[in-house]
Amino acid sequence: MAKYDVAAWMVPLESGLTKRTILKILDMLPDDCDLVPFEIHEENSSAYGYATIEAVEEENGLEAIIDLLSPMVADWTEDDSEYTTTLPKGKKVFIGCDYRTVYWYGETDNGDDSPVSS
């Protein structure tokens, strides 16, 4: 399995972080490294992750990494449940997602045509 410098996993806001999710994230990272945890919270989703100290230092801080990942957490548009990218200075990033929220317009219980999610 490829190892990444930054790994995060998206979860629905209401479910939070689980041990299973933490283990999935840690499995993506090198075995012998120091890690910095981070969280990203957007309107409908959250992502929890870790970055290696080297990635944080090379990318000029954790904020730069979070800025890259925040739009993906806010609006997951990928067809797959996994996405990889590279940070501006070459560090490899993995972000995973176990779910997708799909909005459609249809009649709701209250009789209007407001968005409904699944």
Protein backbone atom coordinates (compact mmCIF):
# COMPACT_ATOMS: atom_id res chain seq x y z
CA MET A 1 0.00 0.00 0.00
CA ALA A 2 1.27 3.46 -0.86
CA LYS A 3 2.21 5.68 2.03
CA TYR A 4 1.19 9.33 2.15
CA ASP A 5 2.47 12.40 3.95
CA VAL A 6 -1.06 13.56 4.83
CA ALA A 7 -4.12 11.34 5.27
CA ALA A 8 -7.68 12.24 6.24
CA TRP A 9 -11.08 10.56 6.31
CA MET A 10 -14.44 12.25 5.92
CA VAL A 11 -17.35 11.35 8.17
CA PRO A 12 -20.88 12.74 8.52
CA LEU A 13 -21.08 15.50 11.14
CA GLU A 14 -23.47 13.50 13.28
CA SER A 15 -21.31 10.35 13.50
CA GLY A 16 -17.96 11.70 14.69
CA LEU A 17 -14.62 9.93 14.90
CA THR A 18 -14.37 6.18 15.54
CA LYS A 19 -11.48 3.85 16.32
CA ARG A 20 -11.98 2.17 12.93
CA THR A 21 -11.58 5.51 11.16
CA ILE A 22 -8.41 6.34 13.08
CA LEU A 23 -6.88 2.98 12.14
CA LYS A 24 -7.73 3.52 8.45
CA ILE A 25 -6.01 6.91 8.52
CA LEU A 26 -2.92 5.67 10.35
CA ASP A 27 -2.54 2.78 7.88
CA MET A 28 -2.02 5.33 5.07
CA LEU A 29 0.95 6.98 6.80
CA PRO A 30 4.58 5.90 7.21
CA ASP A 31 5.19 3.61 10.18
CA ASP A 32 8.08 5.52 11.74
CA CYS A 33 7.17 9.21 11.78
CA ASP A 34 5.89 11.95 14.06
CA LEU A 35 2.31 13.00 13.33
CA VAL A 36 0.23 16.12 13.82
CA PRO A 37 -3.55 15.55 14.13
CA PHE A 38 -6.05 17.88 12.49
CA GLU A 39 -9.79 18.30 12.02
CA ILE A 40 -11.78 20.03 9.31
CA HIS A 41 -15.43 20.89 9.93
CA GLU A 42 -17.66 22.14 7.14
CA GLU A 43 -21.43 22.55 6.83
CA ASN A 44 -22.38 18.88 6.29
CA SER A 45 -19.17 16.94 6.83
CA SER A 46 -16.08 16.65 8.94
CA ALA A 47 -12.68 15.18 8.16
CA TYR A 48 -10.15 13.91 10.64
CA GLY A 49 -6.57 13.33 9.71
CA TYR A 50 -2.88 13.34 10.42
CA ALA A 51 0.06 14.96 8.69
CA THR A 52 3.70 14.08 9.13
CA ILE A 53 5.85 16.71 10.81
CA GLU A 54 7.88 16.93 7.58
CA ALA A 55 4.77 17.73 5.53
CA VAL A 56 3.67 20.42 7.98
CA GLU A 57 7.10 22.04 7.99
CA GLU A 58 7.55 21.90 4.20
CA GLU A 59 4.09 23.25 3.43
CA ASN A 60 4.49 26.22 5.77
CA GLY A 61 2.14 24.97 8.44
CA LEU A 62 -0.94 22.89 8.99
CA GLU A 63 -3.19 25.74 7.81
CA ALA A 64 -1.95 25.33 4.21
CA ILE A 65 -2.86 21.65 4.29
CA ILE A 66 -6.29 22.33 5.79
CA ASP A 67 -6.91 25.06 3.19
CA LEU A 68 -6.30 22.50 0.42
CA LEU A 69 -8.61 19.87 1.92
CA SER A 70 -11.46 22.10 3.18
CA PRO A 71 -13.17 22.56 -0.22
CA MET A 72 -13.22 18.77 -0.72
CA VAL A 73 -14.78 18.26 2.70
CA ALA A 74 -17.37 20.96 2.03
CA ASP A 75 -18.36 19.56 -1.37
CA TRP A 76 -17.20 16.03 -2.21
CA THR A 77 -17.49 15.82 -6.00
CA GLU A 78 -15.32 12.77 -6.59
CA ASP A 79 -16.85 9.66 -8.13
CA ASP A 80 -14.77 7.40 -5.89
CA SER A 81 -14.58 7.14 -2.14
CA GLU A 82 -10.86 7.94 -2.30
CA TYR A 83 -8.91 10.88 -3.66
CA THR A 84 -5.18 11.51 -3.85
CA THR A 85 -3.39 14.73 -4.67
CA THR A 86 -0.05 16.41 -4.18
CA LEU A 87 0.64 19.52 -2.13
CA PRO A 88 2.45 22.42 -3.84
CA LYS A 89 5.83 21.27 -2.50
CA GLY A 90 5.33 17.63 -3.53
CA LYS A 91 3.96 15.93 -0.42
CA LYS A 92 1.38 13.20 -1.15
CA VAL A 93 -2.16 13.55 0.25
CA PHE A 94 -4.91 10.94 0.66
CA ILE A 95 -8.50 11.71 1.59
CA GLY A 96 -11.18 9.06 1.92
CA CYS A 97 -14.94 9.18 2.26
CA ASP A 98 -17.24 6.34 3.36
CA TYR A 99 -20.44 8.02 2.27
CA ARG A 100 -21.98 10.50 -0.12
CA THR A 101 -24.82 12.86 0.59
CA VAL A 102 -27.07 13.26 -2.40
CA TYR A 103 -29.61 16.05 -2.53
CA TRP A 104 -32.70 15.84 -4.68
CA TYR A 105 -35.79 17.94 -4.80
CA GLY A 106 -39.05 16.26 -3.98
CA GLU A 107 -42.00 16.54 -1.72
CA THR A 108 -41.10 16.27 1.96
CA ASP A 109 -43.25 15.39 4.94
CA ASN A 110 -44.10 19.05 5.43
CA GLY A 111 -45.49 19.30 1.89
CA ASP A 112 -42.94 21.65 0.33
CA ASP A 113 -40.26 21.02 -2.27
CA SER A 114 -37.24 21.55 -0.06
CA PRO A 115 -34.02 19.57 -0.54
CA VAL A 116 -34.01 16.06 0.87
CA SER A 117 -30.78 14.23 1.67
CA SER A 118 -29.94 10.57 1.85
